[in-house]
Amino acid sequence: MKLTLMFREYCSLCHKMRDALQPYREIYGFDLEIFDVDDDPLLEEKYNELVPVLLHGETEICHWFLDAEKLEACLKEQAGK
């Protein structure tokens, strides 16, 4: 399973969410793909003020702060498939 984090290098909330995801990665073993929205004008336009944004495919799990409940529900659902 792969999750995507829309990120900005200078964004403290982005770094906090990335770091908060690490224990979940160790438990559930998902891959985390990180995109800096400032590197892509389309991503910047779409996610500009929402970063950090955590996605599973095109589905938003959360933005600004890690929603542990939604993340775990997503991970458990995927593990059950």
PDB file of N, CA and C in Angstrom:
ATOM      1  N   MET A   1       0.838  -1.182   0.000  1.00  0.00           N
ATOM      2  CA  MET A   1       0.000   0.000   0.000  1.00  0.00           C
ATOM      3  C   MET A   1       0.883   1.245   0.000  1.00  0.00           C
ATOM      4  N   LYS A   2       0.404   2.271  -0.690  1.00  0.00           N
ATOM      5  CA  LYS A   2       1.167   3.513  -0.770  1.00  0.00           C
ATOM      6  C   LYS A   2       0.267   4.693  -0.416  1.00  0.00           C
ATOM      7  N   LEU A   3       0.777   5.572   0.436  1.00  0.00           N
ATOM      8  CA  LEU A   3       0.127   6.839   0.738  1.00  0.00           C
ATOM      9  C   LEU A   3       0.979   7.959   0.172  1.00  0.00           C
ATOM     10  N   THR A   4       0.350   9.079  -0.082  1.00  0.00           N
ATOM     11  CA  THR A   4       1.035  10.236  -0.649  1.00  0.00           C
ATOM     12  C   THR A   4       0.876  11.418   0.294  1.00  0.00           C
ATOM     13  N   LEU A   5       1.979  12.106   0.518  1.00  0.00           N
ATOM     14  CA  LEU A   5       1.979  13.306   1.345  1.00  0.00           C
ATOM     15  C   LEU A   5       2.343  14.500   0.477  1.00  0.00           C
ATOM     16  N   MET A   6       1.402  15.438   0.367  1.00  0.00           N
ATOM     17  CA  MET A   6       1.679  16.702  -0.305  1.00  0.00           C
ATOM     18  C   MET A   6       2.329  17.604   0.730  1.00  0.00           C
ATOM     19  N   PHE A   7       3.464  18.167   0.397  1.00  0.00           N
ATOM     20  CA  PHE A   7       4.440  18.657   1.358  1.00  0.00           C
ATOM     21  C   PHE A   7       5.045  19.959   0.858  1.00  0.00           C
ATOM     22  N   ARG A   8       5.562  20.733   1.781  1.00  0.00           N
ATOM     23  CA  ARG A   8       6.424  21.880   1.463  1.00  0.00           C
ATOM     24  C   ARG A   8       7.617  21.807   2.392  1.00  0.00           C
ATOM     25  N   GLU A   9       8.780  22.011   1.848  1.00  0.00           N
ATOM     26  CA  GLU A   9      10.008  21.885   2.642  1.00  0.00           C
ATOM     27  C   GLU A   9      10.039  22.860   3.811  1.00  0.00           C
ATOM     28  N   TYR A  10       9.542  24.068   3.618  1.00  0.00           N
ATOM     29  CA  TYR A  10       9.615  25.082   4.669  1.00  0.00           C
ATOM     30  C   TYR A  10       8.422  25.043   5.637  1.00  0.00           C
ATOM     31  N   CYS A  11       7.537  24.079   5.489  1.00  0.00           N
ATOM     32  CA  CYS A  11       6.293  24.003   6.258  1.00  0.00           C
ATOM     33  C   CYS A  11       6.474  23.134   7.499  1.00  0.00           C
ATOM     34  N   SER A  12       6.366  23.743   8.676  1.00  0.00           N
ATOM     35  CA  SER A  12       6.552  22.975   9.913  1.00  0.00           C
ATOM     36  C   SER A  12       5.448  21.937  10.111  1.00  0.00           C
ATOM     37  N   LEU A  13       4.216  22.253   9.713  1.00  0.00           N
ATOM     38  CA  LEU A  13       3.142  21.264   9.813  1.00  0.00           C
ATOM     39  C   LEU A  13       3.425  20.049   8.926  1.00  0.00           C
ATOM     40  N   CYS A  14       4.028  20.289   7.778  1.00  0.00           N
ATOM     41  CA  CYS A  14       4.375  19.196   6.857  1.00  0.00           C
ATOM     42  C   CYS A  14       5.380  18.255   7.508  1.00  0.00           C
ATOM     43  N   HIS A  15       6.391  18.824   8.127  1.00  0.00           N
ATOM     44  CA  HIS A  15       7.415  18.007   8.787  1.00  0.00           C
ATOM     45  C   HIS A  15       6.818  17.237   9.962  1.00  0.00           C
ATOM     46  N   LYS A  16       5.917  17.884  10.702  1.00  0.00           N
ATOM     47  CA  LYS A  16       5.274  17.205  11.835  1.00  0.00           C
ATOM     48  C   LYS A  16       4.434  16.031  11.356  1.00  0.00           C
ATOM     49  N   MET A  17       3.683  16.214  10.256  1.00  0.00           N
ATOM     50  CA  MET A  17       2.860  15.115   9.761  1.00  0.00           C
ATOM     51  C   MET A  17       3.746  13.983   9.245  1.00  0.00           C
ATOM     52  N   ARG A  18       4.789  14.314   8.507  1.00  0.00           N
ATOM     53  CA  ARG A  18       5.701  13.277   8.006  1.00  0.00           C
ATOM     54  C   ARG A  18       6.283  12.471   9.169  1.00  0.00           C
ATOM     55  N   ASP A  19       6.718  13.157  10.204  1.00  0.00           N
ATOM     56  CA  ASP A  19       7.305  12.468  11.350  1.00  0.00           C
ATOM     57  C   ASP A  19       6.264  11.643  12.111  1.00  0.00           C
ATOM     58  N   ALA A  20       5.046  12.165  12.214  1.00  0.00           N
ATOM     59  CA  ALA A  20       3.983  11.450  12.922  1.00  0.00           C
ATOM     60  C   ALA A  20       3.555  10.182  12.187  1.00  0.00           C
ATOM     61  N   LEU A  21       3.804  10.125  10.893  1.00  0.00           N
ATOM     62  CA  LEU A  21       3.441   8.942  10.105  1.00  0.00           C
ATOM     63  C   LEU A  21       4.396   7.771  10.331  1.00  0.00           C
ATOM     64  N   GLN A  22       5.601   8.040  10.800  1.00  0.00           N
ATOM     65  CA  GLN A  22       6.619   6.993  10.924  1.00  0.00           C
ATOM     66  C   GLN A  22       6.176   5.792  11.770  1.00  0.00           C
ATOM     67  N   PRO A  23       5.596   5.988  12.953  1.00  0.00           N
ATOM     68  CA  PRO A  23       5.160   4.811  13.729  1.00  0.00           C
ATOM     69  C   PRO A  23       4.114   3.974  12.982  1.00  0.00           C
ATOM     70  N   TYR A  24       3.242   4.622  12.226  1.00  0.00           N
ATOM     71  CA  TYR A  24       2.228   3.896  11.456  1.00  0.00           C
ATOM     72  C   TYR A  24       2.884   3.109  10.317  1.00  0.00           C
ATOM     73  N   ARG A  25       3.929   3.681   9.729  1.00  0.00           N
ATOM     74  CA  ARG A  25       4.662   2.967   8.670  1.00  0.00           C
ATOM     75  C   ARG A  25       5.311   1.708   9.229  1.00  0.00           C
ATOM     76  N   GLU A  26       5.830   1.808  10.448  1.00  0.00           N
ATOM     77  CA  GLU A  26       6.465   0.648  11.064  1.00  0.00           C
ATOM     78  C   GLU A  26       5.448  -0.448  11.369  1.00  0.00           C
ATOM     79  N   ILE A  27       4.258  -0.063  11.780  1.00  0.00           N
ATOM     80  CA  ILE A  27       3.211  -1.042  12.115  1.00  0.00           C
ATOM     81  C   ILE A  27       2.587  -1.632  10.850  1.00  0.00           C
ATOM     82  N   TYR A  28       2.210  -0.777   9.908  1.00  0.00           N
ATOM     83  CA  TYR A  28       1.438  -1.222   8.748  1.00  0.00           C
ATOM     84  C   TYR A  28       2.275  -1.453   7.493  1.00  0.00           C
ATOM     85  N   GLY A  29       3.494  -0.966   7.479  1.00  0.00           N
ATOM     86  CA  GLY A  29       4.405  -1.227   6.365  1.00  0.00           C
ATOM     87  C   GLY A  29       4.017  -0.584   5.043  1.00  0.00           C
ATOM     88  N   PHE A  30       3.365   0.561   5.073  1.00  0.00           N
ATOM     89  CA  PHE A  30       3.006   1.216   3.811  1.00  0.00           C
ATOM     90  C   PHE A  30       4.156   2.071   3.300  1.00  0.00           C
ATOM     91  N   ASP A  31       4.156   2.293   1.999  1.00  0.00           N
ATOM     92  CA  ASP A  31       5.111   3.203   1.375  1.00  0.00           C
ATOM     93  C   ASP A  31       4.557   4.619   1.470  1.00  0.00           C
ATOM     94  N   LEU A  32       5.444   5.575   1.619  1.00  0.00           N
ATOM     95  CA  LEU A  32       5.041   6.978   1.671  1.00  0.00           C
ATOM     96  C   LEU A  32       5.759   7.731   0.573  1.00  0.00           C
ATOM     97  N   GLU A  33       4.982   8.260  -0.344  1.00  0.00           N
ATOM     98  CA  GLU A  33       5.518   9.061  -1.432  1.00  0.00           C
ATOM     99  C   GLU A  33       5.292  10.525  -1.062  1.00  0.00           C
ATOM    100  N   ILE A  34       6.345  11.319  -1.120  1.00  0.00           N
ATOM    101  CA  ILE A  34       6.263  12.723  -0.722  1.00  0.00           C
ATOM    102  C   ILE A  34       6.493  13.601  -1.943  1.00  0.00           C
ATOM    103  N   PHE A  35       5.550  14.515  -2.167  1.00  0.00           N
ATOM    104  CA  PHE A  35       5.667  15.469  -3.263  1.00  0.00           C
ATOM    105  C   PHE A  35       5.720  16.869  -2.687  1.00  0.00           C
ATOM    106  N   ASP A  36       6.722  17.644  -3.108  1.00  0.00           N
ATOM    107  CA  ASP A  36       6.787  19.050  -2.743  1.00  0.00           C
ATOM    108  C   ASP A  36       5.913  19.807  -3.736  1.00  0.00           C
ATOM    109  N   VAL A  37       4.813  20.362  -3.268  1.00  0.00           N
ATOM    110  CA  VAL A  37       3.866  21.012  -4.174  1.00  0.00           C
ATOM    111  C   VAL A  37       4.485  22.200  -4.909  1.00  0.00           C
ATOM    112  N   ASP A  38       5.530  22.779  -4.350  1.00  0.00           N
ATOM    113  CA  ASP A  38       6.170  23.915  -5.004  1.00  0.00           C
ATOM    114  C   ASP A  38       6.968  23.511  -6.236  1.00  0.00           C
ATOM    115  N   ASP A  39       7.187  22.211  -6.426  1.00  0.00           N
ATOM    116  CA  ASP A  39       7.910  21.724  -7.594  1.00  0.00           C
ATOM    117  C   ASP A  39       6.998  21.499  -8.797  1.00  0.00           C
ATOM    118  N   ASP A  40       5.696  21.613  -8.605  1.00  0.00           N
ATOM    119  CA  ASP A  40       4.745  21.318  -9.678  1.00  0.00           C
ATOM    120  C   ASP A  40       3.609  22.342  -9.621  1.00  0.00           C
ATOM    121  N   PRO A  41       3.488  23.186 -10.647  1.00  0.00           N
ATOM    122  CA  PRO A  41       2.457  24.230 -10.625  1.00  0.00           C
ATOM    123  C   PRO A  41       1.034  23.684 -10.455  1.00  0.00           C
ATOM    124  N   LEU A  42       0.742  22.518 -11.016  1.00  0.00           N
ATOM    125  CA  LEU A  42      -0.597  21.942 -10.871  1.00  0.00           C
ATOM    126  C   LEU A  42      -0.867  21.512  -9.435  1.00  0.00           C
ATOM    127  N   LEU A  43       0.136  20.882  -8.798  1.00  0.00           N
ATOM    128  CA  LEU A  43      -0.023  20.481  -7.397  1.00  0.00           C
ATOM    129  C   LEU A  43      -0.114  21.707  -6.497  1.00  0.00           C
ATOM    130  N   GLU A  44       0.687  22.717  -6.803  1.00  0.00           N
ATOM    131  CA  GLU A  44       0.649  23.941  -6.007  1.00  0.00           C
ATOM    132  C   GLU A  44      -0.731  24.590  -6.088  1.00  0.00           C
ATOM    133  N   GLU A  45      -1.303  24.618  -7.273  1.00  0.00           N
ATOM    134  CA  GLU A  45      -2.627  25.209  -7.451  1.00  0.00           C
ATOM    135  C   GLU A  45      -3.692  24.406  -6.692  1.00  0.00           C
ATOM    136  N   LYS A  46      -3.595  23.083  -6.758  1.00  0.00           N
ATOM    137  CA  LYS A  46      -4.609  22.223  -6.147  1.00  0.00           C
ATOM    138  C   LYS A  46      -4.516  22.187  -4.616  1.00  0.00           C
ATOM    139  N   TYR A  47      -3.283  22.132  -4.070  1.00  0.00           N
ATOM    140  CA  TYR A  47      -3.101  21.902  -2.635  1.00  0.00           C
ATOM    141  C   TYR A  47      -2.526  23.089  -1.883  1.00  0.00           C
ATOM    142  N   ASN A  48      -2.364  24.200  -2.518  1.00  0.00           N
ATOM    143  CA  ASN A  48      -1.628  25.349  -2.004  1.00  0.00           C
ATOM    144  C   ASN A  48      -1.782  25.590  -0.499  1.00  0.00           C
ATOM    145  N   GLU A  49      -2.942  25.963  -0.043  1.00  0.00           N
ATOM    146  CA  GLU A  49      -3.128  26.322   1.361  1.00  0.00           C
ATOM    147  C   GLU A  49      -3.542  25.136   2.235  1.00  0.00           C
ATOM    148  N   LEU A  50      -3.682  23.962   1.648  1.00  0.00           N
ATOM    149  CA  LEU A  50      -4.103  22.791   2.417  1.00  0.00           C
ATOM    150  C   LEU A  50      -2.937  21.980   2.972  1.00  0.00           C
ATOM    151  N   VAL A  51      -1.733  22.167   2.436  1.00  0.00           N
ATOM    152  CA  VAL A  51      -0.618  21.317   2.847  1.00  0.00           C
ATOM    153  C   VAL A  51      -0.351  21.432   4.338  1.00  0.00           C
ATOM    154  N   PRO A  52       0.037  20.334   4.936  1.00  0.00           N
ATOM    155  CA  PRO A  52       0.227  19.018   4.346  1.00  0.00           C
ATOM    156  C   PRO A  52      -1.113  18.319   4.094  1.00  0.00           C
ATOM    157  N   VAL A  53      -1.128  17.524   3.031  1.00  0.00           N
ATOM    158  CA  VAL A  53      -2.306  16.733   2.696  1.00  0.00           C
ATOM    159  C   VAL A  53      -1.859  15.286   2.559  1.00  0.00           C
ATOM    160  N   LEU A  54      -2.539  14.393   3.270  1.00  0.00           N
ATOM    161  CA  LEU A  54      -2.255  12.967   3.192  1.00  0.00           C
ATOM    162  C   LEU A  54      -3.329  12.304   2.355  1.00  0.00           C
ATOM    163  N   LEU A  55      -2.896  11.555   1.346  1.00  0.00           N
ATOM    164  CA  LEU A  55      -3.811  10.932   0.399  1.00  0.00           C
ATOM    165  C   LEU A  55      -3.579   9.435   0.299  1.00  0.00           C
ATOM    166  N   HIS A  56      -4.671   8.719   0.031  1.00  0.00           N
ATOM    167  CA  HIS A  56      -4.595   7.323  -0.411  1.00  0.00           C
ATOM    168  C   HIS A  56      -5.212   7.330  -1.793  1.00  0.00           C
ATOM    169  N   GLY A  57      -4.352   7.207  -2.804  1.00  0.00           N
ATOM    170  CA  GLY A  57      -4.828   7.408  -4.174  1.00  0.00           C
ATOM    171  C   GLY A  57      -5.275   8.857  -4.311  1.00  0.00           C
ATOM    172  N   GLU A  58      -6.506   9.037  -4.765  1.00  0.00           N
ATOM    173  CA  GLU A  58      -7.061  10.390  -4.902  1.00  0.00           C
ATOM    174  C   GLU A  58      -7.891  10.793  -3.681  1.00  0.00           C
ATOM    175  N   THR A  59      -8.009   9.894  -2.710  1.00  0.00           N
ATOM    176  CA  THR A  59      -8.842  10.146  -1.539  1.00  0.00           C
ATOM    177  C   THR A  59      -8.040  10.825  -0.431  1.00  0.00           C
ATOM    178  N   GLU A  60      -8.515  11.977  -0.005  1.00  0.00           N
ATOM    179  CA  GLU A  60      -7.852  12.690   1.084  1.00  0.00           C
ATOM    180  C   GLU A  60      -8.171  12.025   2.415  1.00  0.00           C
ATOM    181  N   ILE A  61      -7.128  11.700   3.152  1.00  0.00           N
ATOM    182  CA  ILE A  61      -7.287  11.176   4.502  1.00  0.00           C
ATOM    183  C   ILE A  61      -7.381  12.343   5.484  1.00  0.00           C
ATOM    184  N   CYS A  62      -6.482  13.310   5.343  1.00  0.00           N
ATOM    185  CA  CYS A  62      -6.509  14.471   6.218  1.00  0.00           C
ATOM    186  C   CYS A  62      -5.613  15.561   5.642  1.00  0.00           C
ATOM    187  N   HIS A  63      -5.764  16.767   6.177  1.00  0.00           N
ATOM    188  CA  HIS A  63      -4.847  17.859   5.838  1.00  0.00           C
ATOM    189  C   HIS A  63      -4.597  18.694   7.088  1.00  0.00           C
ATOM    190  N   TRP A  64      -3.518  19.429   7.052  1.00  0.00           N
ATOM    191  CA  TRP A  64      -3.003  20.271   8.147  1.00  0.00           C
ATOM    192  C   TRP A  64      -2.476  19.455   9.318  1.00  0.00           C
ATOM    193  N   PHE A  65      -3.299  18.562   9.879  1.00  0.00           N
ATOM    194  CA  PHE A  65      -2.877  17.757  11.027  1.00  0.00           C
ATOM    195  C   PHE A  65      -3.230  16.302  10.770  1.00  0.00           C
ATOM    196  N   LEU A  66      -2.421  15.403  11.290  1.00  0.00           N
ATOM    197  CA  LEU A  66      -2.681  13.977  11.122  1.00  0.00           C
ATOM    198  C   LEU A  66      -3.949  13.595  11.888  1.00  0.00           C
ATOM    199  N   ASP A  67      -4.893  13.004  11.181  1.00  0.00           N
ATOM    200  CA  ASP A  67      -6.106  12.473  11.787  1.00  0.00           C
ATOM    201  C   ASP A  67      -5.868  10.980  11.978  1.00  0.00           C
ATOM    202  N   ALA A  68      -5.391  10.613  13.155  1.00  0.00           N
ATOM    203  CA  ALA A  68      -4.988   9.233  13.425  1.00  0.00           C
ATOM    204  C   ALA A  68      -6.151   8.262  13.248  1.00  0.00           C
ATOM    205  N   GLU A  69      -7.337   8.676  13.627  1.00  0.00           N
ATOM    206  CA  GLU A  69      -8.512   7.804  13.512  1.00  0.00           C
ATOM    207  C   GLU A  69      -8.820   7.483  12.047  1.00  0.00           C
ATOM    208  N   LYS A  70      -8.818   8.496  11.196  1.00  0.00           N
ATOM    209  CA  LYS A  70      -9.082   8.275   9.769  1.00  0.00           C
ATOM    210  C   LYS A  70      -7.947   7.471   9.124  1.00  0.00           C
ATOM    211  N   LEU A  71      -6.716   7.766   9.520  1.00  0.00           N
ATOM    212  CA  LEU A  71      -5.573   7.030   8.977  1.00  0.00           C
ATOM    213  C   LEU A  71      -5.678   5.550   9.333  1.00  0.00           C
ATOM    214  N   GLU A  72      -5.922   5.253  10.585  1.00  0.00           N
ATOM    215  CA  GLU A  72      -6.015   3.851  11.007  1.00  0.00           C
ATOM    216  C   GLU A  72      -7.174   3.141  10.321  1.00  0.00           C
ATOM    217  N   ALA A  73      -8.294   3.815  10.156  1.00  0.00           N
ATOM    218  CA  ALA A  73      -9.430   3.205   9.468  1.00  0.00           C
ATOM    219  C   ALA A  73      -9.057   2.861   8.031  1.00  0.00           C
ATOM    220  N   CYS A  74      -8.358   3.761   7.358  1.00  0.00           N
ATOM    221  CA  CYS A  74      -7.917   3.516   5.992  1.00  0.00           C
ATOM    222  C   CYS A  74      -6.937   2.347   5.936  1.00  0.00           C
ATOM    223  N   LEU A  75      -5.967   2.331   6.828  1.00  0.00           N
ATOM    224  CA  LEU A  75      -4.953   1.295   6.835  1.00  0.00           C
ATOM    225  C   LEU A  75      -5.557  -0.067   7.161  1.00  0.00           C
ATOM    226  N   LYS A  76      -6.472  -0.119   8.106  1.00  0.00           N
ATOM    227  CA  LYS A  76      -7.105  -1.385   8.467  1.00  0.00           C
ATOM    228  C   LYS A  76      -7.995  -1.895   7.345  1.00  0.00           C
ATOM    229  N   GLU A  77      -8.685  -0.981   6.670  1.00  0.00           N
ATOM    230  CA  GLU A  77      -9.523  -1.361   5.530  1.00  0.00           C
ATOM    231  C   GLU A  77      -8.659  -1.975   4.423  1.00  0.00           C
ATOM    232  N   GLN A  78      -7.533  -1.350   4.143  1.00  0.00           N
ATOM    233  CA  GLN A  78      -6.648  -1.855   3.094  1.00  0.00           C
ATOM    234  C   GLN A  78      -6.021  -3.176   3.485  1.00  0.00           C
ATOM    235  N   ALA A  79      -5.698  -3.334   4.770  1.00  0.00           N
ATOM    236  CA  ALA A  79      -5.098  -4.583   5.247  1.00  0.00           C
ATOM    237  C   ALA A  79      -6.084  -5.739   5.148  1.00  0.00           C
ATOM    238  N   GLY A  80      -7.383  -5.433   5.274  1.00  0.00           N
ATOM    239  CA  GLY A  80      -8.402  -6.463   5.208  1.00  0.00           C
ATOM    240  C   GLY A  80      -8.722  -6.930   3.802  1.00  0.00           C
ATOM    241  N   LYS A  81      -8.238  -6.194   2.802  1.00  0.00           N
ATOM    242  CA  LYS A  81      -8.513  -6.560   1.403  1.00  0.00           C
ATOM    243  C   LYS A  81      -7.557  -7.598   0.907  1.00  0.00           C
TER     244      LYS A  81
END
